[in-house]
Amino acid sequence: MPFPVPTAIVSHRGGAFLWPENSLDAFRNSLALPVEQCECDVHLSADGVPVVIHDAMLERTTEGKGPVAAQGAAALSRLRLRGAGASRVPLLAEVAALFRGRDQQLQVEVKTAPGAAPDPALVPRTLAVLDAAGIRGQSRIIAFDAPLVAEAAAAGGLAGTIWLFEAALLRRIGVAGVIGVARAHGFTMVETEIGALDAALVETLRAAGLGIGAWGANHAGTIGKALALGVDAMATDDPVLALRLRDGG
């Protein structure tokens, strides 16, 4: 599904420069802005419940310790987020409920622990939560793992899917390799870090029929670069600044 504006603004982790990342408050505040999308990260708990947290370990963003996957959803949802007052780790179901009846789309990055194989239940259980909230059609599944993205796309009913690739992968396999992966899996949109993008890469990806996203557009310079390159979507930790630079005011 095409984006409604030349460069859609995606509030990354709910706007991590402005509010505690991946918190319910962050998503509530982002939904009060005229952004097109918000992005969250999902890991599965020990009992297979999608939980909204970026890292596979708890220490950086919560008052807990150890792997996310070692604790059940009930225990995780009682953990307070660092520097966020009484805010606790949200379940995907809680975040998804905020988007019901809203214009904004939700991007869900499905994640696995570094070096671990993806849990076969990750995509089905994520989609089940989106279905329970009635928002599959306004959601996008994104991931670095190409088979996970392909699985989500094959399930159907989403607003879209996005395959994420890092600059390191681009250096290893080149733009031809990136396009080859995208074509092999039937992807229509890819996303990489803003530092890896330039006009030539954008032109080549567009010529291959791919939509283009960028993450890491967090300051005036990188936001301006994303806008100048005309990417389809930019994920930013400062959606307020991105809106001001894109829309004026």
C-alpha atoms as a PDB file:
ATOM      1  CA  MET A   1       0.000   0.000   0.000  1.00  0.00           C
ATOM      2  CA  PRO A   2       1.517   3.380  -0.953  1.00  0.00           C
ATOM      3  CA  PHE A   3       2.248   6.033   1.616  1.00  0.00           C
ATOM      4  CA  PRO A   4      -0.078   9.063   1.648  1.00  0.00           C
ATOM      5  CA  VAL A   5       2.726  11.642   1.548  1.00  0.00           C
ATOM      6  CA  PRO A   6       6.070  11.865  -0.267  1.00  0.00           C
ATOM      7  CA  THR A   7       8.002  10.998   2.903  1.00  0.00           C
ATOM      8  CA  ALA A   8       6.005   9.478   5.733  1.00  0.00           C
ATOM      9  CA  ILE A   9       7.229  10.130   9.264  1.00  0.00           C
ATOM     10  CA  VAL A  10       7.519   7.106  11.535  1.00  0.00           C
ATOM     11  CA  SER A  11       7.829   7.782  15.263  1.00  0.00           C
ATOM     12  CA  HIS A  12      10.635   5.338  16.068  1.00  0.00           C
ATOM     13  CA  ARG A  13      10.048   3.415  19.301  1.00  0.00           C
ATOM     14  CA  GLY A  14       7.345   6.009  19.926  1.00  0.00           C
ATOM     15  CA  GLY A  15       9.785   8.934  19.664  1.00  0.00           C
ATOM     16  CA  ALA A  16      12.720   7.809  21.774  1.00  0.00           C
ATOM     17  CA  PHE A  17      14.365  11.248  22.020  1.00  0.00           C
ATOM     18  CA  LEU A  18      11.210  12.745  23.493  1.00  0.00           C
ATOM     19  CA  TRP A  19       9.662  10.031  25.670  1.00  0.00           C
ATOM     20  CA  PRO A  20      10.765   6.723  27.192  1.00  0.00           C
ATOM     21  CA  GLU A  21      11.207   4.371  24.256  1.00  0.00           C
ATOM     22  CA  ASN A  22       8.539   1.761  23.591  1.00  0.00           C
ATOM     23  CA  SER A  23       6.381   3.052  26.452  1.00  0.00           C
ATOM     24  CA  LEU A  24       2.635   3.486  26.333  1.00  0.00           C
ATOM     25  CA  ASP A  25       3.134   7.192  27.047  1.00  0.00           C
ATOM     26  CA  ALA A  26       5.421   7.468  24.025  1.00  0.00           C
ATOM     27  CA  PHE A  27       2.812   5.955  21.735  1.00  0.00           C
ATOM     28  CA  ARG A  28       0.009   8.042  23.206  1.00  0.00           C
ATOM     29  CA  ASN A  29       2.057  11.200  22.675  1.00  0.00           C
ATOM     30  CA  SER A  30       3.037  10.167  19.152  1.00  0.00           C
ATOM     31  CA  LEU A  31      -0.581   9.490  18.269  1.00  0.00           C
ATOM     32  CA  ALA A  32      -1.371  13.074  19.245  1.00  0.00           C
ATOM     33  CA  LEU A  33       0.983  14.222  16.462  1.00  0.00           C
ATOM     34  CA  PRO A  34       0.195  14.248  12.723  1.00  0.00           C
ATOM     35  CA  VAL A  35       2.717  11.483  12.024  1.00  0.00           C
ATOM     36  CA  GLU A  36       1.767   8.751   9.588  1.00  0.00           C
ATOM     37  CA  GLN A  37       3.132   5.817  11.558  1.00  0.00           C
ATOM     38  CA  CYS A  38       4.637   4.689  14.843  1.00  0.00           C
ATOM     39  CA  GLU A  39       7.157   1.881  15.254  1.00  0.00           C
ATOM     40  CA  CYS A  40       7.566  -0.580  18.109  1.00  0.00           C
ATOM     41  CA  ASP A  41       9.740  -3.629  18.756  1.00  0.00           C
ATOM     42  CA  VAL A  42       8.473  -7.033  19.816  1.00  0.00           C
ATOM     43  CA  HIS A  43      10.035 -10.037  21.522  1.00  0.00           C
ATOM     44  CA  LEU A  44       8.190 -13.099  22.766  1.00  0.00           C
ATOM     45  CA  SER A  45       7.997 -13.756  26.486  1.00  0.00           C
ATOM     46  CA  ALA A  46       8.733 -17.201  27.933  1.00  0.00           C
ATOM     47  CA  ASP A  47       5.049 -18.040  27.555  1.00  0.00           C
ATOM     48  CA  GLY A  48       4.888 -16.825  23.972  1.00  0.00           C
ATOM     49  CA  VAL A  49       3.244 -13.427  24.436  1.00  0.00           C
ATOM     50  CA  PRO A  50       4.448 -10.521  22.235  1.00  0.00           C
ATOM     51  CA  VAL A  51       6.027  -7.900  24.505  1.00  0.00           C
ATOM     52  CA  VAL A  52       7.081  -4.421  23.384  1.00  0.00           C
ATOM     53  CA  ILE A  53      10.790  -3.970  24.072  1.00  0.00           C
ATOM     54  CA  HIS A  54      13.773  -3.410  21.805  1.00  0.00           C
ATOM     55  CA  ASP A  55      16.579  -5.386  23.428  1.00  0.00           C
ATOM     56  CA  ALA A  56      16.675  -9.124  24.016  1.00  0.00           C
ATOM     57  CA  MET A  57      18.003  -8.306  27.490  1.00  0.00           C
ATOM     58  CA  LEU A  58      16.185  -6.290  30.134  1.00  0.00           C
ATOM     59  CA  GLU A  59      18.979  -4.235  31.693  1.00  0.00           C
ATOM     60  CA  ARG A  60      19.190  -1.177  29.395  1.00  0.00           C
ATOM     61  CA  THR A  61      15.555  -0.111  29.369  1.00  0.00           C
ATOM     62  CA  THR A  62      14.019  -1.722  32.450  1.00  0.00           C
ATOM     63  CA  GLU A  63      14.719  -2.326  36.123  1.00  0.00           C
ATOM     64  CA  GLY A  64      14.846  -6.059  35.443  1.00  0.00           C
ATOM     65  CA  LYS A  65      17.739  -8.341  34.611  1.00  0.00           C
ATOM     66  CA  GLY A  66      18.327 -11.184  32.180  1.00  0.00           C
ATOM     67  CA  PRO A  67      16.751 -12.222  28.899  1.00  0.00           C
ATOM     68  CA  VAL A  68      13.255 -11.107  27.956  1.00  0.00           C
ATOM     69  CA  ALA A  69      12.557 -14.656  26.770  1.00  0.00           C
ATOM     70  CA  ALA A  70      13.278 -16.080  30.232  1.00  0.00           C
ATOM     71  CA  GLN A  71      10.289 -14.397  31.902  1.00  0.00           C
ATOM     72  CA  GLY A  72       6.561 -14.757  31.450  1.00  0.00           C
ATOM     73  CA  ALA A  73       4.390 -11.939  30.184  1.00  0.00           C
ATOM     74  CA  ALA A  74       2.852 -11.222  33.570  1.00  0.00           C
ATOM     75  CA  ALA A  75       6.261 -10.747  35.182  1.00  0.00           C
ATOM     76  CA  LEU A  76       7.526  -8.620  32.299  1.00  0.00           C
ATOM     77  CA  SER A  77       4.492  -6.347  32.393  1.00  0.00           C
ATOM     78  CA  ARG A  78       5.229  -5.583  36.045  1.00  0.00           C
ATOM     79  CA  LEU A  79       8.757  -4.367  35.268  1.00  0.00           C
ATOM     80  CA  ARG A  80       9.222  -0.603  35.403  1.00  0.00           C
ATOM     81  CA  LEU A  81      10.951   1.159  32.530  1.00  0.00           C
ATOM     82  CA  ARG A  82      14.110   3.034  33.493  1.00  0.00           C
ATOM     83  CA  GLY A  83      13.592   6.776  33.888  1.00  0.00           C
ATOM     84  CA  ALA A  84       9.900   6.508  33.127  1.00  0.00           C
ATOM     85  CA  GLY A  85       8.244   6.867  36.518  1.00  0.00           C
ATOM     86  CA  ALA A  86       5.565   4.264  36.961  1.00  0.00           C
ATOM     87  CA  SER A  87       5.557   3.199  33.302  1.00  0.00           C
ATOM     88  CA  ARG A  88       5.995  -0.511  32.771  1.00  0.00           C
ATOM     89  CA  VAL A  89       6.929  -2.794  29.894  1.00  0.00           C
ATOM     90  CA  PRO A  90       3.850  -2.909  27.644  1.00  0.00           C
ATOM     91  CA  LEU A  91       2.391  -5.922  25.946  1.00  0.00           C
ATOM     92  CA  LEU A  92       1.819  -5.593  22.205  1.00  0.00           C
ATOM     93  CA  ALA A  93      -1.892  -5.958  22.922  1.00  0.00           C
ATOM     94  CA  GLU A  94      -1.795  -2.742  24.969  1.00  0.00           C
ATOM     95  CA  VAL A  95       0.010  -0.806  22.240  1.00  0.00           C
ATOM     96  CA  ALA A  96      -2.209  -2.194  19.494  1.00  0.00           C
ATOM     97  CA  ALA A  97      -5.331  -1.121  21.389  1.00  0.00           C
ATOM     98  CA  LEU A  98      -4.176   2.507  21.182  1.00  0.00           C
ATOM     99  CA  PHE A  99      -4.316   2.370  17.372  1.00  0.00           C
ATOM    100  CA  ARG A 100      -7.849   1.057  17.077  1.00  0.00           C
ATOM    101  CA  GLY A 101      -9.904   3.646  15.196  1.00  0.00           C
ATOM    102  CA  ARG A 102      -6.891   5.895  14.554  1.00  0.00           C
ATOM    103  CA  ASP A 103      -5.523   7.079  11.212  1.00  0.00           C
ATOM    104  CA  GLN A 104      -1.911   6.233  12.022  1.00  0.00           C
ATOM    105  CA  GLN A 105      -0.366   2.924  11.128  1.00  0.00           C
ATOM    106  CA  LEU A 106       1.670   0.758  13.472  1.00  0.00           C
ATOM    107  CA  GLN A 107       4.984  -0.727  12.403  1.00  0.00           C
ATOM    108  CA  VAL A 108       5.928  -3.807  14.417  1.00  0.00           C
ATOM    109  CA  GLU A 109       9.540  -4.906  14.239  1.00  0.00           C
ATOM    110  CA  VAL A 110       9.644  -8.588  15.126  1.00  0.00           C
ATOM    111  CA  LYS A 111      12.941  -9.339  16.822  1.00  0.00           C
ATOM    112  CA  THR A 112      15.021 -12.265  17.975  1.00  0.00           C
ATOM    113  CA  ALA A 113      17.956 -12.493  20.360  1.00  0.00           C
ATOM    114  CA  PRO A 114      21.359 -12.043  18.656  1.00  0.00           C
ATOM    115  CA  GLY A 115      22.576 -15.356  17.304  1.00  0.00           C
ATOM    116  CA  ALA A 116      19.281 -17.107  18.033  1.00  0.00           C
ATOM    117  CA  ALA A 117      16.969 -18.623  15.458  1.00  0.00           C
ATOM    118  CA  PRO A 118      13.570 -16.925  15.204  1.00  0.00           C
ATOM    119  CA  ASP A 119      10.833 -18.526  17.262  1.00  0.00           C
ATOM    120  CA  PRO A 120       8.342 -20.126  14.814  1.00  0.00           C
ATOM    121  CA  ALA A 121       5.540 -18.590  16.870  1.00  0.00           C
ATOM    122  CA  LEU A 122       6.832 -15.016  16.566  1.00  0.00           C
ATOM    123  CA  VAL A 123       4.954 -13.913  13.453  1.00  0.00           C
ATOM    124  CA  PRO A 124       1.720 -15.881  14.046  1.00  0.00           C
ATOM    125  CA  ARG A 125       1.375 -14.630  17.605  1.00  0.00           C
ATOM    126  CA  THR A 126       2.152 -11.068  16.595  1.00  0.00           C
ATOM    127  CA  LEU A 127      -0.482 -11.197  13.876  1.00  0.00           C
ATOM    128  CA  ALA A 128      -2.970 -12.730  16.309  1.00  0.00           C
ATOM    129  CA  VAL A 129      -2.570  -9.731  18.615  1.00  0.00           C
ATOM    130  CA  LEU A 130      -3.066  -7.310  15.723  1.00  0.00           C
ATOM    131  CA  ASP A 131      -6.167  -9.250  14.687  1.00  0.00           C
ATOM    132  CA  ALA A 132      -7.580  -9.170  18.214  1.00  0.00           C
ATOM    133  CA  ALA A 133      -7.225  -5.388  18.179  1.00  0.00           C
ATOM    134  CA  GLY A 134      -8.717  -5.216  14.691  1.00  0.00           C
ATOM    135  CA  ILE A 135      -5.696  -3.390  13.253  1.00  0.00           C
ATOM    136  CA  ARG A 136      -3.930  -5.894  10.974  1.00  0.00           C
ATOM    137  CA  GLY A 137      -4.918  -3.760   7.986  1.00  0.00           C
ATOM    138  CA  GLN A 138      -3.253  -0.663   9.437  1.00  0.00           C
ATOM    139  CA  SER A 139      -0.096  -2.457  10.540  1.00  0.00           C
ATOM    140  CA  ARG A 140       3.224  -3.263   8.915  1.00  0.00           C
ATOM    141  CA  ILE A 141       5.573  -6.048   9.949  1.00  0.00           C
ATOM    142  CA  ILE A 142       9.247  -5.188   9.621  1.00  0.00           C
ATOM    143  CA  ALA A 143      12.364  -7.242  10.378  1.00  0.00           C
ATOM    144  CA  PHE A 144      16.019  -7.787   9.566  1.00  0.00           C
ATOM    145  CA  ASP A 145      15.339 -11.496   9.074  1.00  0.00           C
ATOM    146  CA  ALA A 146      14.136 -11.857   5.484  1.00  0.00           C
ATOM    147  CA  PRO A 147      12.202 -15.129   6.003  1.00  0.00           C
ATOM    148  CA  LEU A 148      10.232 -13.523   8.841  1.00  0.00           C
ATOM    149  CA  VAL A 149       9.215 -10.650   6.569  1.00  0.00           C
ATOM    150  CA  ALA A 150       8.254 -13.113   3.836  1.00  0.00           C
ATOM    151  CA  GLU A 151       6.189 -15.123   6.326  1.00  0.00           C
ATOM    152  CA  ALA A 152       4.298 -12.010   7.380  1.00  0.00           C
ATOM    153  CA  ALA A 153       3.715 -10.978   3.765  1.00  0.00           C
ATOM    154  CA  ALA A 154       2.415 -14.447   2.889  1.00  0.00           C
ATOM    155  CA  ALA A 155      -0.055 -14.279   5.767  1.00  0.00           C
ATOM    156  CA  GLY A 156      -1.686 -11.299   4.039  1.00  0.00           C
ATOM    157  CA  GLY A 157      -3.993  -8.578   5.264  1.00  0.00           C
ATOM    158  CA  LEU A 158      -1.283  -6.142   6.350  1.00  0.00           C
ATOM    159  CA  ALA A 159      -0.761  -2.580   5.189  1.00  0.00           C
ATOM    160  CA  GLY A 160       2.696  -3.745   4.131  1.00  0.00           C
ATOM    161  CA  THR A 161       5.978  -5.335   5.131  1.00  0.00           C
ATOM    162  CA  ILE A 162       9.517  -3.957   5.116  1.00  0.00           C
ATOM    163  CA  TRP A 163      12.836  -5.788   5.012  1.00  0.00           C
ATOM    164  CA  LEU A 164      15.537  -3.992   7.015  1.00  0.00           C
ATOM    165  CA  PHE A 165      19.191  -4.244   6.037  1.00  0.00           C
ATOM    166  CA  GLU A 166      22.239  -2.682   7.670  1.00  0.00           C
ATOM    167  CA  ALA A 167      25.093  -0.855   5.973  1.00  0.00           C
ATOM    168  CA  ALA A 168      27.349  -3.792   6.830  1.00  0.00           C
ATOM    169  CA  LEU A 169      25.196  -6.136   4.764  1.00  0.00           C
ATOM    170  CA  LEU A 170      25.153  -3.667   1.897  1.00  0.00           C
ATOM    171  CA  ARG A 171      28.954  -3.573   1.944  1.00  0.00           C
ATOM    172  CA  ARG A 172      29.106  -7.376   1.919  1.00  0.00           C
ATOM    173  CA  ILE A 173      26.628  -8.181  -0.833  1.00  0.00           C
ATOM    174  CA  GLY A 174      26.286  -4.877  -2.670  1.00  0.00           C
ATOM    175  CA  VAL A 175      23.154  -3.279  -4.009  1.00  0.00           C
ATOM    176  CA  ALA A 176      22.730  -6.127  -6.506  1.00  0.00           C
ATOM    177  CA  GLY A 177      22.664  -8.561  -3.597  1.00  0.00           C
ATOM    178  CA  VAL A 178      20.120  -6.481  -1.705  1.00  0.00           C
ATOM    179  CA  ILE A 179      17.884  -6.367  -4.757  1.00  0.00           C
ATOM    180  CA  GLY A 180      18.389 -10.096  -5.243  1.00  0.00           C
ATOM    181  CA  VAL A 181      17.221 -10.855  -1.695  1.00  0.00           C
ATOM    182  CA  ALA A 182      14.224  -8.573  -2.130  1.00  0.00           C
ATOM    183  CA  ARG A 183      13.229 -10.205  -5.425  1.00  0.00           C
ATOM    184  CA  ALA A 184      13.751 -13.730  -4.093  1.00  0.00           C
ATOM    185  CA  HIS A 185      11.295 -13.038  -1.280  1.00  0.00           C
ATOM    186  CA  GLY A 186       8.878 -10.827  -3.198  1.00  0.00           C
ATOM    187  CA  PHE A 187       9.540  -7.723  -1.112  1.00  0.00           C
ATOM    188  CA  THR A 188       8.217  -4.390  -2.314  1.00  0.00           C
ATOM    189  CA  MET A 189       9.925  -2.171   0.276  1.00  0.00           C
ATOM    190  CA  VAL A 190      13.312  -2.153   1.971  1.00  0.00           C
ATOM    191  CA  GLU A 191      14.836   0.071   4.639  1.00  0.00           C
ATOM    192  CA  THR A 192      18.352   0.910   5.721  1.00  0.00           C
ATOM    193  CA  GLU A 193      20.184   3.366   7.924  1.00  0.00           C
ATOM    194  CA  ILE A 194      20.242   6.938   6.650  1.00  0.00           C
ATOM    195  CA  GLY A 195      24.043   6.991   6.590  1.00  0.00           C
ATOM    196  CA  ALA A 196      24.066   4.213   3.983  1.00  0.00           C
ATOM    197  CA  LEU A 197      21.760   6.022   1.582  1.00  0.00           C
ATOM    198  CA  ASP A 198      22.767   8.328  -1.223  1.00  0.00           C
ATOM    199  CA  ALA A 199      21.125   9.439  -4.451  1.00  0.00           C
ATOM    200  CA  ALA A 200      22.712   6.638  -6.493  1.00  0.00           C
ATOM    201  CA  LEU A 201      21.501   3.913  -4.140  1.00  0.00           C
ATOM    202  CA  VAL A 202      18.021   5.402  -4.021  1.00  0.00           C
ATOM    203  CA  GLU A 203      17.918   5.563  -7.824  1.00  0.00           C
ATOM    204  CA  THR A 204      19.049   1.944  -8.166  1.00  0.00           C
ATOM    205  CA  LEU A 205      16.555   0.636  -5.631  1.00  0.00           C
ATOM    206  CA  ARG A 206      13.747   2.607  -7.223  1.00  0.00           C
ATOM    207  CA  ALA A 207      14.695   1.284 -10.658  1.00  0.00           C
ATOM    208  CA  ALA A 208      14.287  -2.204  -9.183  1.00  0.00           C
ATOM    209  CA  GLY A 209      10.727  -1.300  -8.183  1.00  0.00           C
ATOM    210  CA  LEU A 210      11.398  -1.059  -4.463  1.00  0.00           C
ATOM    211  CA  GLY A 211      10.007   1.403  -1.968  1.00  0.00           C
ATOM    212  CA  ILE A 212      12.656   2.864   0.338  1.00  0.00           C
ATOM    213  CA  GLY A 213      12.698   3.611   4.031  1.00  0.00           C
ATOM    214  CA  ALA A 214      15.426   5.012   6.276  1.00  0.00           C
ATOM    215  CA  TRP A 215      16.051   4.812   9.977  1.00  0.00           C
ATOM    216  CA  GLY A 216      18.332   7.008  12.058  1.00  0.00           C
ATOM    217  CA  ALA A 217      16.989  10.309  10.718  1.00  0.00           C
ATOM    218  CA  ASN A 218      17.159  11.872  14.171  1.00  0.00           C
ATOM    219  CA  HIS A 219      18.680  15.344  13.747  1.00  0.00           C
ATOM    220  CA  ALA A 220      18.175  18.243  11.362  1.00  0.00           C
ATOM    221  CA  GLY A 221      20.951  17.101   9.020  1.00  0.00           C
ATOM    222  CA  THR A 222      19.828  13.512   8.647  1.00  0.00           C
ATOM    223  CA  ILE A 223      16.138  14.397   8.535  1.00  0.00           C
ATOM    224  CA  GLY A 224      16.920  16.908   5.806  1.00  0.00           C
ATOM    225  CA  LYS A 225      18.900  14.267   3.934  1.00  0.00           C
ATOM    226  CA  ALA A 226      15.995  11.802   4.050  1.00  0.00           C
ATOM    227  CA  LEU A 227      13.618  14.471   2.773  1.00  0.00           C
ATOM    228  CA  ALA A 228      15.998  15.526   0.008  1.00  0.00           C
ATOM    229  CA  LEU A 229      16.439  11.913  -1.127  1.00  0.00           C
ATOM    230  CA  GLY A 230      12.663  11.518  -1.221  1.00  0.00           C
ATOM    231  CA  VAL A 231      12.537   8.264   0.713  1.00  0.00           C
ATOM    232  CA  ASP A 232       9.083   6.837   1.191  1.00  0.00           C
ATOM    233  CA  ALA A 233       9.341   6.756   4.979  1.00  0.00           C
ATOM    234  CA  MET A 234      11.821   7.840   7.626  1.00  0.00           C
ATOM    235  CA  ALA A 235      11.937   6.461  11.131  1.00  0.00           C
ATOM    236  CA  THR A 236      12.947   9.165  13.572  1.00  0.00           C
ATOM    237  CA  ASP A 237      13.466   9.427  17.314  1.00  0.00           C
ATOM    238  CA  ASP A 238      12.357  13.085  17.110  1.00  0.00           C
ATOM    239  CA  PRO A 239       9.032  13.149  15.272  1.00  0.00           C
ATOM    240  CA  VAL A 240       8.341  16.739  16.360  1.00  0.00           C
ATOM    241  CA  LEU A 241      11.482  18.007  14.620  1.00  0.00           C
ATOM    242  CA  ALA A 242      10.803  15.826  11.584  1.00  0.00           C
ATOM    243  CA  LEU A 243       7.291  17.221  11.241  1.00  0.00           C
ATOM    244  CA  ARG A 244       8.571  20.783  11.535  1.00  0.00           C
ATOM    245  CA  LEU A 245      11.212  20.242   8.863  1.00  0.00           C
ATOM    246  CA  ARG A 246       8.861  18.429   6.526  1.00  0.00           C
ATOM    247  CA  ASP A 247       5.729  20.503   6.962  1.00  0.00           C
ATOM    248  CA  GLY A 248       7.045  23.844   8.209  1.00  0.00           C
ATOM    249  CA  GLY A 249       5.710  25.748  11.166  1.00  0.00           C
END
